[in-house]
N, C-alpha and C. Protein backbone atom coordinates (compact mmCIF):
# COMPACT_ATOMS: atom_id res chain seq x y z
N MET A 1 4.21 6.24 21.37
CA MET A 1 3.33 5.24 20.71
C MET A 1 4.30 3.85 20.51
N ILE A 2 3.62 2.82 20.90
CA ILE A 2 4.22 1.63 20.71
C ILE A 2 3.76 0.92 19.38
N PHE A 3 4.76 0.47 18.48
CA PHE A 3 4.37 -0.09 17.15
C PHE A 3 4.30 -1.62 17.27
N THR A 4 3.35 -2.09 17.06
CA THR A 4 3.29 -3.65 16.92
C THR A 4 3.63 -4.07 15.57
N LYS A 5 3.72 -5.52 15.48
CA LYS A 5 4.16 -5.91 14.09
C LYS A 5 3.21 -5.51 13.05
N ARG A 6 1.89 -5.62 13.49
CA ARG A 6 0.79 -5.34 12.55
C ARG A 6 0.80 -3.94 12.21
N THR A 7 1.11 -3.08 13.10
CA THR A 7 1.24 -1.64 12.56
C THR A 7 2.25 -1.45 11.66
N ALA A 8 3.38 -2.04 11.90
CA ALA A 8 4.68 -2.01 10.96
C ALA A 8 4.25 -2.44 9.53
N VAL A 9 3.53 -3.56 9.46
CA VAL A 9 3.16 -4.08 8.26
C VAL A 9 2.16 -3.13 7.45
N ALA A 10 1.18 -2.57 8.36
CA ALA A 10 0.20 -1.75 7.81
C ALA A 10 0.73 -0.46 7.19
N LEU A 11 1.88 -0.05 7.85
CA LEU A 11 2.65 1.12 7.42
C LEU A 11 3.43 0.83 6.11
N GLY A 12 3.77 -0.43 6.04
CA GLY A 12 4.61 -0.94 5.08
C GLY A 12 3.79 -0.72 3.61
N LEU A 13 2.48 -0.92 3.53
CA LEU A 13 1.83 -0.62 2.42
C LEU A 13 0.46 0.03 2.59
N GLY A 14 -0.06 -0.25 3.72
CA GLY A 14 -1.24 0.44 4.38
C GLY A 14 -2.51 0.04 3.85
N LEU A 15 -0.41 -0.52 2.77
CA LEU A 15 0.46 -0.45 1.83
C LEU A 15 -0.42 -1.00 1.12
N THR A 16 -0.82 -0.96 1.38
CA THR A 16 -0.56 -0.82 0.72
C THR A 16 -0.34 -0.03 -0.33
N MET A 17 -1.42 0.75 -0.90
CA MET A 17 -1.20 1.97 -1.74
C MET A 17 -2.32 2.86 -1.33
N ILE A 18 -1.99 3.59 -0.33
CA ILE A 18 -2.96 4.46 0.35
C ILE A 18 -3.16 5.70 0.14
N GLY A 19 -4.03 6.64 0.55
CA GLY A 19 -4.14 8.05 0.66
C GLY A 19 -4.42 8.58 -0.77
N GLY A 20 -3.54 9.50 -1.15
CA GLY A 20 -3.67 10.33 -2.34
C GLY A 20 -2.64 9.95 -3.40
N ALA A 21 -2.95 9.74 -4.63
CA ALA A 21 -2.19 9.49 -5.63
C ALA A 21 -2.55 10.17 -7.03
N PHE A 22 -1.85 10.09 -8.03
CA PHE A 22 -2.20 10.90 -9.25
C PHE A 22 -2.08 10.01 -10.48
N ALA A 23 -3.11 10.01 -11.20
CA ALA A 23 -3.12 9.44 -12.58
C ALA A 23 -4.23 10.03 -13.32
N ALA A 24 -4.31 9.89 -14.63
CA ALA A 24 -5.31 10.40 -15.57
C ALA A 24 -6.76 9.95 -15.12
N PRO A 25 -7.67 10.89 -15.14
CA PRO A 25 -9.13 10.42 -14.84
C PRO A 25 -9.49 9.29 -15.52
N GLY A 26 -10.25 8.30 -15.05
CA GLY A 26 -10.71 7.15 -15.83
C GLY A 26 -9.64 6.20 -16.15
N ALA A 27 -8.63 6.22 -15.27
CA ALA A 27 -7.49 5.39 -15.44
C ALA A 27 -7.97 3.91 -15.38
N LYS A 28 -7.32 3.02 -16.07
CA LYS A 28 -7.69 1.62 -16.23
C LYS A 28 -7.43 0.93 -14.86
N HIS A 29 -6.69 1.59 -13.98
CA HIS A 29 -6.39 1.05 -12.64
C HIS A 29 -7.50 1.28 -11.61
N ASP A 30 -8.63 1.99 -11.95
CA ASP A 30 -9.61 2.33 -11.04
C ASP A 30 -10.26 1.11 -10.62
N GLY A 31 -10.65 1.10 -9.35
CA GLY A 31 -11.39 -0.19 -8.85
C GLY A 31 -10.93 -0.35 -7.37
N ILE A 32 -11.59 -1.57 -6.88
CA ILE A 32 -11.11 -2.01 -5.59
C ILE A 32 -10.10 -3.10 -5.69
N TRP A 33 -9.03 -2.99 -4.92
CA TRP A 33 -7.87 -3.87 -5.08
C TRP A 33 -7.53 -4.55 -3.70
N SER A 34 -7.32 -5.86 -3.60
CA SER A 34 -6.97 -6.59 -2.56
C SER A 34 -5.39 -6.74 -2.46
N VAL A 35 -4.77 -6.31 -1.41
CA VAL A 35 -3.32 -6.19 -1.38
C VAL A 35 -2.87 -7.20 -0.41
N GLN A 36 -1.94 -8.04 -0.79
CA GLN A 36 -1.19 -8.92 0.21
C GLN A 36 0.13 -8.63 0.47
N LEU A 37 0.54 -8.57 1.66
CA LEU A 37 1.94 -8.29 2.10
C LEU A 37 2.63 -9.47 2.55
N ALA A 38 4.04 -9.58 2.13
CA ALA A 38 4.90 -10.63 2.70
C ALA A 38 6.14 -9.92 3.24
N THR A 39 6.55 -10.22 4.31
CA THR A 39 7.80 -9.74 5.00
C THR A 39 8.99 -10.59 4.61
N ASP A 40 9.98 -10.01 4.01
CA ASP A 40 11.20 -10.87 3.68
C ASP A 40 12.39 -10.76 4.80
N SER A 41 12.26 -9.55 5.46
CA SER A 41 13.28 -9.30 6.55
C SER A 41 12.75 -8.40 7.57
N GLY A 42 13.19 -8.57 8.87
CA GLY A 42 12.90 -7.75 9.89
C GLY A 42 11.91 -8.51 10.88
N THR A 43 11.33 -7.83 11.80
CA THR A 43 10.49 -8.31 12.77
C THR A 43 8.95 -8.07 12.52
N CYS A 44 8.59 -7.67 11.48
CA CYS A 44 7.21 -7.34 11.06
C CYS A 44 6.58 -8.74 10.88
N ASP A 45 5.13 -8.68 11.05
CA ASP A 45 4.35 -9.85 10.69
C ASP A 45 4.76 -10.66 9.40
N SER A 46 4.71 -11.78 9.16
CA SER A 46 5.10 -12.53 8.12
C SER A 46 4.17 -12.30 6.88
N SER A 47 2.93 -11.95 7.18
CA SER A 47 2.06 -11.60 6.07
C SER A 47 0.89 -10.90 6.61
N ASP A 48 0.02 -10.21 5.65
CA ASP A 48 -1.14 -9.52 6.15
C ASP A 48 -1.84 -9.08 4.65
N SER A 49 -3.06 -8.73 4.70
CA SER A 49 -3.68 -8.14 3.63
C SER A 49 -4.69 -7.05 4.00
N TYR A 50 -4.88 -6.24 2.82
CA TYR A 50 -5.60 -5.07 2.92
C TYR A 50 -6.37 -4.75 1.74
N SER A 51 -7.34 -3.76 1.94
CA SER A 51 -8.11 -3.33 0.69
C SER A 51 -7.80 -1.95 0.34
N ILE A 52 -7.71 -1.61 -0.85
CA ILE A 52 -7.53 -0.12 -1.44
C ILE A 52 -8.46 0.11 -2.60
N ALA A 53 -8.86 1.36 -2.64
CA ALA A 53 -9.77 1.66 -3.75
C ALA A 53 -8.93 2.77 -4.67
N VAL A 54 -8.95 2.56 -5.92
CA VAL A 54 -8.48 3.59 -6.76
C VAL A 54 -9.55 4.04 -7.54
N GLU A 55 -9.71 5.46 -7.39
CA GLU A 55 -10.87 6.24 -7.95
C GLU A 55 -10.44 7.42 -8.71
N ASN A 56 -10.69 7.51 -10.12
CA ASN A 56 -10.32 8.51 -10.85
C ASN A 56 -8.75 8.70 -10.73
N GLY A 57 -7.90 7.80 -10.59
CA GLY A 57 -6.55 7.74 -10.47
C GLY A 57 -6.02 8.06 -9.04
N ARG A 58 -6.86 8.41 -8.08
CA ARG A 58 -6.60 8.60 -6.77
C ARG A 58 -6.73 7.41 -5.91
N VAL A 59 -5.69 7.10 -4.88
CA VAL A 59 -5.92 5.97 -4.16
C VAL A 59 -6.27 6.21 -2.85
N ARG A 60 -7.15 5.44 -2.18
CA ARG A 60 -7.76 5.50 -0.98
C ARG A 60 -7.68 4.21 -0.21
N TYR A 61 -7.07 4.19 1.00
CA TYR A 61 -7.03 2.97 1.87
C TYR A 61 -8.30 2.78 2.45
N ILE A 62 -8.80 1.49 2.49
CA ILE A 62 -9.97 1.07 3.08
C ILE A 62 -9.57 0.33 4.41
N PRO A 63 -9.63 0.97 5.55
CA PRO A 63 -9.12 0.33 6.75
C PRO A 63 -10.11 -0.77 7.12
N GLY A 64 -9.54 -1.71 7.81
CA GLY A 64 -10.29 -2.83 8.38
C GLY A 64 -10.70 -2.51 9.75
N PRO A 65 -11.50 -3.35 10.45
CA PRO A 65 -11.77 -3.07 11.80
C PRO A 65 -10.54 -2.97 12.72
N GLY A 66 -10.45 -1.75 13.48
CA GLY A 66 -9.37 -1.68 14.29
C GLY A 66 -8.04 -1.13 13.70
N SER A 67 -8.15 -0.87 12.38
CA SER A 67 -6.87 -0.40 11.61
C SER A 67 -7.05 1.07 11.40
N PRO A 68 -6.35 1.89 12.12
CA PRO A 68 -6.42 3.40 11.78
C PRO A 68 -5.72 3.73 10.50
N PRO A 69 -6.20 4.65 9.83
CA PRO A 69 -5.83 5.12 8.52
C PRO A 69 -4.39 5.68 8.59
N ALA A 70 -3.60 5.53 7.60
CA ALA A 70 -2.20 6.32 7.71
C ALA A 70 -2.47 7.40 6.66
N THR A 71 -1.40 8.26 6.79
CA THR A 71 -1.29 9.33 5.84
C THR A 71 -0.42 9.00 4.56
N VAL A 72 -0.85 8.98 3.40
CA VAL A 72 -0.12 8.55 2.25
C VAL A 72 0.00 9.58 1.15
N SER A 73 1.28 9.77 0.61
CA SER A 73 1.35 10.66 -0.50
C SER A 73 2.05 9.77 -1.56
N GLY A 74 2.03 10.12 -2.85
CA GLY A 74 2.54 9.35 -3.99
C GLY A 74 1.77 9.45 -5.11
N ARG A 75 1.98 8.42 -5.91
CA ARG A 75 1.14 8.39 -7.31
C ARG A 75 1.11 7.03 -7.70
N VAL A 76 0.11 6.67 -8.68
CA VAL A 76 0.01 5.63 -9.52
C VAL A 76 0.03 6.31 -10.95
N GLY A 77 1.07 6.20 -11.69
CA GLY A 77 1.15 6.77 -12.96
C GLY A 77 0.23 6.10 -13.96
N PRO A 78 0.12 6.78 -15.12
CA PRO A 78 -0.68 6.20 -16.25
C PRO A 78 -0.32 4.87 -16.69
N ASP A 79 0.94 4.58 -16.60
CA ASP A 79 1.57 3.26 -16.89
C ASP A 79 1.49 2.22 -15.92
N GLY A 80 0.92 2.62 -14.71
CA GLY A 80 0.72 1.68 -13.69
C GLY A 80 1.72 1.84 -12.54
N SER A 81 2.83 2.54 -12.71
CA SER A 81 3.92 2.68 -11.81
C SER A 81 3.37 3.16 -10.55
N VAL A 82 3.81 2.57 -9.30
CA VAL A 82 3.34 2.92 -8.03
C VAL A 82 4.56 3.40 -7.15
N ASP A 83 4.40 4.52 -6.50
CA ASP A 83 5.41 5.15 -5.75
C ASP A 83 4.71 5.94 -4.62
N LEU A 84 4.82 5.22 -3.40
CA LEU A 84 4.14 5.85 -2.33
C LEU A 84 5.05 6.07 -1.06
N ASP A 85 4.58 7.10 -0.38
CA ASP A 85 5.11 7.46 0.85
C ASP A 85 4.02 7.31 2.07
N ILE A 86 4.14 6.30 2.86
CA ILE A 86 3.16 6.17 3.91
C ILE A 86 3.73 6.56 5.39
N ARG A 87 2.90 7.31 6.11
CA ARG A 87 3.24 7.70 7.48
C ARG A 87 2.17 7.48 8.36
N ARG A 88 2.61 7.07 9.70
CA ARG A 88 1.68 7.12 10.75
C ARG A 88 2.61 7.44 11.94
N SER A 89 2.18 8.50 12.63
CA SER A 89 2.90 8.86 13.76
C SER A 89 4.37 9.31 13.28
N ILE A 90 5.35 8.76 13.75
CA ILE A 90 6.71 9.07 13.40
C ILE A 90 7.37 7.98 12.47
N ALA A 91 6.56 6.91 12.19
CA ALA A 91 7.02 5.84 11.28
C ALA A 91 6.65 6.36 9.89
N LYS A 92 7.63 5.88 8.90
CA LYS A 92 7.60 6.23 7.56
C LYS A 92 7.95 5.01 6.76
N ALA A 93 7.04 4.57 5.82
CA ALA A 93 7.22 3.48 4.88
C ALA A 93 7.33 3.83 3.53
N ASP A 94 8.13 3.19 2.70
CA ASP A 94 7.99 3.51 1.23
C ASP A 94 7.54 2.16 0.51
N ALA A 95 6.83 2.36 -0.51
CA ALA A 95 6.41 1.28 -1.35
C ALA A 95 6.50 1.74 -2.79
N SER A 96 6.95 0.79 -3.61
CA SER A 96 6.96 0.94 -5.10
C SER A 96 6.64 -0.30 -5.76
N GLY A 97 6.20 -0.18 -7.18
CA GLY A 97 6.00 -1.41 -7.85
C GLY A 97 5.12 -0.92 -9.15
N ARG A 98 4.26 -1.81 -9.55
CA ARG A 98 3.47 -1.61 -10.73
C ARG A 98 2.30 -2.44 -10.70
N LEU A 99 1.12 -1.76 -11.35
CA LEU A 99 -0.13 -2.36 -11.50
C LEU A 99 -0.11 -2.65 -13.02
N LYS A 100 -0.60 -3.82 -13.35
CA LYS A 100 -0.89 -4.15 -14.83
C LYS A 100 -1.95 -5.04 -15.00
N GLY A 101 -2.89 -4.54 -15.75
CA GLY A 101 -4.16 -5.36 -15.80
C GLY A 101 -5.01 -5.37 -14.61
N ARG A 102 -5.18 -6.81 -14.24
CA ARG A 102 -5.86 -6.92 -12.90
C ARG A 102 -5.00 -7.38 -11.83
N SER A 103 -3.62 -7.13 -11.92
CA SER A 103 -2.77 -7.54 -10.79
C SER A 103 -1.72 -6.39 -10.73
N GLY A 104 -0.83 -6.76 -9.76
CA GLY A 104 0.15 -5.86 -9.42
C GLY A 104 1.14 -6.30 -8.44
N SER A 105 2.32 -5.76 -8.38
CA SER A 105 3.40 -6.15 -7.39
C SER A 105 4.46 -5.08 -7.18
N GLY A 106 5.19 -5.45 -6.07
CA GLY A 106 6.24 -4.42 -5.86
C GLY A 106 6.93 -4.83 -4.47
N THR A 107 7.51 -3.72 -3.90
CA THR A 107 8.28 -3.92 -2.69
C THR A 107 7.87 -2.92 -1.70
N TRP A 108 8.18 -3.18 -0.47
CA TRP A 108 7.92 -2.05 0.54
C TRP A 108 9.00 -2.03 1.57
N GLN A 109 9.19 -0.99 2.25
CA GLN A 109 10.45 -0.96 3.27
C GLN A 109 9.96 0.06 4.44
N LEU A 110 10.19 -0.33 5.69
CA LEU A 110 9.88 0.33 6.93
C LEU A 110 11.29 0.35 7.59
N ALA A 111 12.09 1.28 7.28
CA ALA A 111 13.40 1.47 7.80
C ALA A 111 13.51 1.46 9.23
N MET A 112 12.57 2.28 9.78
CA MET A 112 12.73 2.49 11.27
C MET A 112 12.58 1.14 12.12
N LEU A 113 11.92 0.11 11.53
CA LEU A 113 11.73 -1.12 12.32
C LEU A 113 12.68 -2.25 11.57
N GLY A 114 13.35 -1.79 10.53
CA GLY A 114 14.25 -2.75 9.91
C GLY A 114 13.44 -3.74 9.02
N CYS A 115 12.27 -3.53 8.67
CA CYS A 115 11.43 -4.38 7.81
C CYS A 115 11.31 -4.20 6.41
N SER A 116 11.25 -5.14 5.60
CA SER A 116 11.12 -4.97 4.20
C SER A 116 10.46 -6.13 3.59
N GLY A 117 9.83 -5.99 2.45
CA GLY A 117 9.08 -7.10 1.76
C GLY A 117 8.55 -6.82 0.51
N ARG A 118 7.56 -7.65 0.13
CA ARG A 118 6.99 -7.48 -1.15
C ARG A 118 5.52 -7.52 -1.07
N TRP A 119 4.82 -6.94 -2.07
CA TRP A 119 3.35 -6.89 -2.00
C TRP A 119 2.87 -7.27 -3.31
N THR A 120 1.74 -7.88 -3.46
CA THR A 120 1.04 -8.29 -4.53
C THR A 120 -0.37 -7.73 -4.54
N ALA A 121 -1.09 -7.47 -5.63
CA ALA A 121 -2.50 -6.86 -5.64
C ALA A 121 -3.11 -7.54 -6.63
N GLN A 122 -4.49 -7.82 -6.34
CA GLN A 122 -5.43 -8.30 -7.38
C GLN A 122 -6.63 -7.49 -7.38
N LYS A 123 -7.20 -7.16 -8.58
CA LYS A 123 -8.31 -6.16 -8.62
C LYS A 123 -9.49 -6.95 -8.50
N ARG A 124 -10.29 -6.61 -7.43
CA ARG A 124 -11.53 -7.34 -7.09
C ARG A 124 -12.91 -6.99 -7.93
N ALA A 125 -12.78 -5.53 -8.13
CA ALA A 125 -14.05 -4.96 -8.89
C ALA A 125 -13.53 -3.65 -9.54
N ALA A 126 -14.29 -3.32 -10.67
CA ALA A 126 -14.04 -2.11 -11.35
C ALA A 126 -14.65 -1.00 -10.67
């Protein structure tokens, strides 16, 4: 499988906070989030954005048109801490950071392609 810059960034957060995560039911972080990615180093696209849903403390990636979902494990803690492992095919990305109130931020790294950067998130709806 050939990885494009867009695929690399998608893996970087899917990032952004994708798949399955753990937090207390009814967590204050539940809702729809818009996640923006910025690449600080490497050959990945300079920026991109994604949507995710947090429901009962679990995180679900909302893929856009033509964006296949990734497999994600990790968690969003009750304090808003984000620690995720994102996989697609043989590529693996790590993301970490924190959600607080209606926003969040953190970093991501896709070591396989030598890419890393930061992410920000804004809560769009409860």
